[in-house]
């Protein structure tokens, strides 16, 4: 079940955020994610957050800023169960256009988004990490 974020979700979301970034971005020094943890924890509730809950447990979440997907994360032991797709489909019902950025080396994520109709718009360098970033877009 997808629902809006509640304050009591924050610690669980942050654990999923950290775990997801460490797992997906082995090409970025892990200290980057640990160093940014408190800042993200402070800023995360400012995004429009939707949480997927399965059997009373948070399985994943997505953060939106307008039509921009700031991040989509699925708990490690819930990956491969269609939760990411469920979150994307939920957003497609609410938006005519979606944008997101994904690291070029995160080939699994790029493939995931392409399989759901997202197209590569441009590539640039993430100034904070120095890694190549791909801006992707979906239009209804």
C-alpha atoms as a PDB file:
ATOM      1  CA  UNK A   1       0.000   0.000   0.000  1.00  0.00           C
ATOM      2  CA  UNK A   2       1.397   3.391  -0.961  1.00  0.00           C
ATOM      3  CA  UNK A   3       0.734   6.188   1.485  1.00  0.00           C
ATOM      4  CA  UNK A   4       2.026   9.633   2.380  1.00  0.00           C
ATOM      5  CA  UNK A   5       5.026   9.993   4.666  1.00  0.00           C
ATOM      6  CA  UNK A   6       4.538  10.252   8.427  1.00  0.00           C
ATOM      7  CA  UNK A   7       7.138  11.708  10.819  1.00  0.00           C
ATOM      8  CA  UNK A   8       7.483   8.332  12.510  1.00  0.00           C
ATOM      9  CA  UNK A   9       8.807   6.912   9.186  1.00  0.00           C
ATOM     10  CA  UNK A  10      11.981   9.001   9.134  1.00  0.00           C
ATOM     11  CA  UNK A  11      14.450   6.602  10.785  1.00  0.00           C
ATOM     12  CA  UNK A  12      13.307   3.660   8.639  1.00  0.00           C
ATOM     13  CA  UNK A  13      13.506   5.782   5.472  1.00  0.00           C
ATOM     14  CA  UNK A  14      17.003   6.943   6.346  1.00  0.00           C
ATOM     15  CA  UNK A  15      18.172   3.362   6.870  1.00  0.00           C
ATOM     16  CA  UNK A  16      16.745   2.412   3.461  1.00  0.00           C
ATOM     17  CA  UNK A  17      18.330   5.544   1.917  1.00  0.00           C
ATOM     18  CA  UNK A  18      21.785   4.745   3.299  1.00  0.00           C
ATOM     19  CA  UNK A  19      21.599   1.036   2.485  1.00  0.00           C
ATOM     20  CA  UNK A  20      20.350   1.763  -1.037  1.00  0.00           C
ATOM     21  CA  UNK A  21      23.055   4.286  -1.831  1.00  0.00           C
ATOM     22  CA  UNK A  22      25.845   2.094  -0.477  1.00  0.00           C
ATOM     23  CA  UNK A  23      24.566  -0.920  -2.439  1.00  0.00           C
ATOM     24  CA  UNK A  24      23.950   0.876  -5.750  1.00  0.00           C
ATOM     25  CA  UNK A  25      26.920   3.236  -5.817  1.00  0.00           C
ATOM     26  CA  UNK A  26      30.043   1.203  -5.113  1.00  0.00           C
ATOM     27  CA  UNK A  27      31.903   3.607  -7.418  1.00  0.00           C
ATOM     28  CA  UNK A  28      31.456   6.447  -4.888  1.00  0.00           C
ATOM     29  CA  UNK A  29      33.408   6.501  -1.630  1.00  0.00           C
ATOM     30  CA  UNK A  30      31.059   5.268   1.139  1.00  0.00           C
ATOM     31  CA  UNK A  31      32.134   8.203   3.318  1.00  0.00           C
ATOM     32  CA  UNK A  32      30.170  10.502   0.968  1.00  0.00           C
ATOM     33  CA  UNK A  33      26.880   8.865   1.998  1.00  0.00           C
ATOM     34  CA  UNK A  34      27.806   8.694   5.680  1.00  0.00           C
ATOM     35  CA  UNK A  35      28.961  12.335   5.663  1.00  0.00           C
ATOM     36  CA  UNK A  36      25.673  13.472   4.087  1.00  0.00           C
ATOM     37  CA  UNK A  37      23.403  11.350   6.302  1.00  0.00           C
ATOM     38  CA  UNK A  38      22.445  14.093   8.805  1.00  0.00           C
ATOM     39  CA  UNK A  39      21.870  16.693   6.083  1.00  0.00           C
ATOM     40  CA  UNK A  40      19.607  14.315   4.170  1.00  0.00           C
ATOM     41  CA  UNK A  41      17.770  13.418   7.386  1.00  0.00           C
ATOM     42  CA  UNK A  42      17.083  17.113   7.947  1.00  0.00           C
ATOM     43  CA  UNK A  43      16.044  17.837   4.338  1.00  0.00           C
ATOM     44  CA  UNK A  44      14.188  14.630   3.432  1.00  0.00           C
ATOM     45  CA  UNK A  45      10.882  15.650   5.077  1.00  0.00           C
ATOM     46  CA  UNK A  46      10.849  18.787   2.864  1.00  0.00           C
ATOM     47  CA  UNK A  47      10.256  16.584  -0.183  1.00  0.00           C
ATOM     48  CA  UNK A  48       6.884  15.135  -1.075  1.00  0.00           C
ATOM     49  CA  UNK A  49       7.365  11.585   0.193  1.00  0.00           C
ATOM     50  CA  UNK A  50       5.374   8.461  -0.582  1.00  0.00           C
ATOM     51  CA  UNK A  51       5.999   5.247   1.318  1.00  0.00           C
ATOM     52  CA  UNK A  52       5.232   1.710   0.195  1.00  0.00           C
ATOM     53  CA  UNK A  53       4.196  -0.413   3.143  1.00  0.00           C
ATOM     54  CA  UNK A  54       3.966  -4.190   2.862  1.00  0.00           C
ATOM     55  CA  UNK A  55       2.452  -6.154   5.751  1.00  0.00           C
ATOM     56  CA  UNK A  56       3.052  -3.279   8.172  1.00  0.00           C
ATOM     57  CA  UNK A  57       6.695  -2.810   7.158  1.00  0.00           C
ATOM     58  CA  UNK A  58       8.149   0.003   5.061  1.00  0.00           C
ATOM     59  CA  UNK A  59       9.423  -1.652   1.885  1.00  0.00           C
ATOM     60  CA  UNK A  60      10.434   1.440  -0.081  1.00  0.00           C
ATOM     61  CA  UNK A  61       9.827   5.105  -0.709  1.00  0.00           C
ATOM     62  CA  UNK A  62      10.071   7.856  -3.262  1.00  0.00           C
ATOM     63  CA  UNK A  63      10.824  11.545  -2.760  1.00  0.00           C
ATOM     64  CA  UNK A  64       9.448  14.150  -5.162  1.00  0.00           C
ATOM     65  CA  UNK A  65      10.198  17.827  -5.764  1.00  0.00           C
ATOM     66  CA  UNK A  66       7.529  18.916  -8.226  1.00  0.00           C
ATOM     67  CA  UNK A  67       7.886  16.590 -11.239  1.00  0.00           C
ATOM     68  CA  UNK A  68      11.445  15.627 -10.253  1.00  0.00           C
ATOM     69  CA  UNK A  69      12.070  12.267  -8.590  1.00  0.00           C
ATOM     70  CA  UNK A  70      14.707  13.172  -6.011  1.00  0.00           C
ATOM     71  CA  UNK A  71      15.144   9.522  -5.083  1.00  0.00           C
ATOM     72  CA  UNK A  72      13.499   6.138  -5.120  1.00  0.00           C
ATOM     73  CA  UNK A  73      14.678   3.478  -2.700  1.00  0.00           C
ATOM     74  CA  UNK A  74      13.637  -0.079  -1.913  1.00  0.00           C
ATOM     75  CA  UNK A  75      14.666  -1.920   1.238  1.00  0.00           C
ATOM     76  CA  UNK A  76      17.326  -4.546   0.517  1.00  0.00           C
ATOM     77  CA  UNK A  77      15.201  -7.584   1.414  1.00  0.00           C
ATOM     78  CA  UNK A  78      12.266  -6.282  -0.657  1.00  0.00           C
ATOM     79  CA  UNK A  79      14.169  -5.695  -3.910  1.00  0.00           C
ATOM     80  CA  UNK A  80      13.079  -7.647  -6.960  1.00  0.00           C
ATOM     81  CA  UNK A  81       9.462  -7.761  -5.824  1.00  0.00           C
ATOM     82  CA  UNK A  82       8.096  -4.991  -8.065  1.00  0.00           C
ATOM     83  CA  UNK A  83       8.058  -2.260  -5.415  1.00  0.00           C
ATOM     84  CA  UNK A  84      10.108   0.204  -7.467  1.00  0.00           C
ATOM     85  CA  UNK A  85       7.804  -0.340 -10.430  1.00  0.00           C
ATOM     86  CA  UNK A  86       4.772   0.107  -8.181  1.00  0.00           C
ATOM     87  CA  UNK A  87       6.132   3.453  -6.949  1.00  0.00           C
ATOM     88  CA  UNK A  88       6.866   4.628 -10.517  1.00  0.00           C
ATOM     89  CA  UNK A  89       3.384   3.593 -11.687  1.00  0.00           C
ATOM     90  CA  UNK A  90       1.883   5.500  -8.743  1.00  0.00           C
ATOM     91  CA  UNK A  91       3.784   8.647  -9.773  1.00  0.00           C
ATOM     92  CA  UNK A  92       2.748   8.276 -13.413  1.00  0.00           C
ATOM     93  CA  UNK A  93      -0.889   8.496 -12.317  1.00  0.00           C
ATOM     94  CA  UNK A  94      -0.172  11.816 -10.573  1.00  0.00           C
ATOM     95  CA  UNK A  95       2.149  13.459 -13.121  1.00  0.00           C
ATOM     96  CA  UNK A  96       2.203  14.078 -16.885  1.00  0.00           C
ATOM     97  CA  UNK A  97       5.987  14.373 -16.831  1.00  0.00           C
ATOM     98  CA  UNK A  98       8.686  12.939 -14.568  1.00  0.00           C
ATOM     99  CA  UNK A  99      12.409  13.684 -14.415  1.00  0.00           C
ATOM    100  CA  UNK A 100      15.242  12.134 -12.444  1.00  0.00           C
ATOM    101  CA  UNK A 101      19.004  11.907 -12.338  1.00  0.00           C
ATOM    102  CA  UNK A 102      20.884   8.636 -12.103  1.00  0.00           C
ATOM    103  CA  UNK A 103      24.602   7.943 -12.077  1.00  0.00           C
ATOM    104  CA  UNK A 104      25.829   6.673 -15.440  1.00  0.00           C
ATOM    105  CA  UNK A 105      27.628   3.768 -13.750  1.00  0.00           C
ATOM    106  CA  UNK A 106      24.364   2.633 -12.128  1.00  0.00           C
ATOM    107  CA  UNK A 107      23.469   0.573 -15.185  1.00  0.00           C
ATOM    108  CA  UNK A 108      20.782  -1.449 -13.388  1.00  0.00           C
ATOM    109  CA  UNK A 109      18.886   1.736 -12.498  1.00  0.00           C
ATOM    110  CA  UNK A 110      19.219   3.167 -16.013  1.00  0.00           C
ATOM    111  CA  UNK A 111      17.839  -0.064 -17.454  1.00  0.00           C
ATOM    112  CA  UNK A 112      15.014  -0.064 -14.871  1.00  0.00           C
ATOM    113  CA  UNK A 113      13.946   3.453 -15.879  1.00  0.00           C
ATOM    114  CA  UNK A 114      14.326   2.843 -19.625  1.00  0.00           C
ATOM    115  CA  UNK A 115      12.109  -0.236 -19.318  1.00  0.00           C
ATOM    116  CA  UNK A 116       9.476   2.041 -17.805  1.00  0.00           C
ATOM    117  CA  UNK A 117       9.548   4.574 -20.627  1.00  0.00           C
ATOM    118  CA  UNK A 118      12.183   7.042 -19.401  1.00  0.00           C
ATOM    119  CA  UNK A 119      14.519   8.533 -22.001  1.00  0.00           C
ATOM    120  CA  UNK A 120      18.018   9.917 -21.566  1.00  0.00           C
ATOM    121  CA  UNK A 121      17.943  13.708 -21.923  1.00  0.00           C
ATOM    122  CA  UNK A 122      21.535  14.693 -21.132  1.00  0.00           C
ATOM    123  CA  UNK A 123      24.683  13.705 -19.300  1.00  0.00           C
ATOM    124  CA  UNK A 124      26.620  15.904 -16.916  1.00  0.00           C
ATOM    125  CA  UNK A 125      29.087  15.611 -14.060  1.00  0.00           C
ATOM    126  CA  UNK A 126      27.800  15.615 -10.483  1.00  0.00           C
ATOM    127  CA  UNK A 127      29.889  18.370  -8.888  1.00  0.00           C
ATOM    128  CA  UNK A 128      29.794  16.802  -5.416  1.00  0.00           C
ATOM    129  CA  UNK A 129      30.948  13.298  -6.380  1.00  0.00           C
ATOM    130  CA  UNK A 130      32.674  13.860  -9.730  1.00  0.00           C
ATOM    131  CA  UNK A 131      30.633  10.979 -11.186  1.00  0.00           C
ATOM    132  CA  UNK A 132      28.828  11.179 -14.534  1.00  0.00           C
ATOM    133  CA  UNK A 133      25.105  11.755 -14.074  1.00  0.00           C
ATOM    134  CA  UNK A 134      22.271  11.084 -16.543  1.00  0.00           C
ATOM    135  CA  UNK A 135      19.141  13.221 -16.605  1.00  0.00           C
ATOM    136  CA  UNK A 136      16.192  11.052 -17.639  1.00  0.00           C
ATOM    137  CA  UNK A 137      12.630  12.025 -18.452  1.00  0.00           C
ATOM    138  CA  UNK A 138       9.231  10.393 -18.924  1.00  0.00           C
ATOM    139  CA  UNK A 139       6.269  12.038 -20.656  1.00  0.00           C
ATOM    140  CA  UNK A 140       2.711  10.720 -20.572  1.00  0.00           C
END
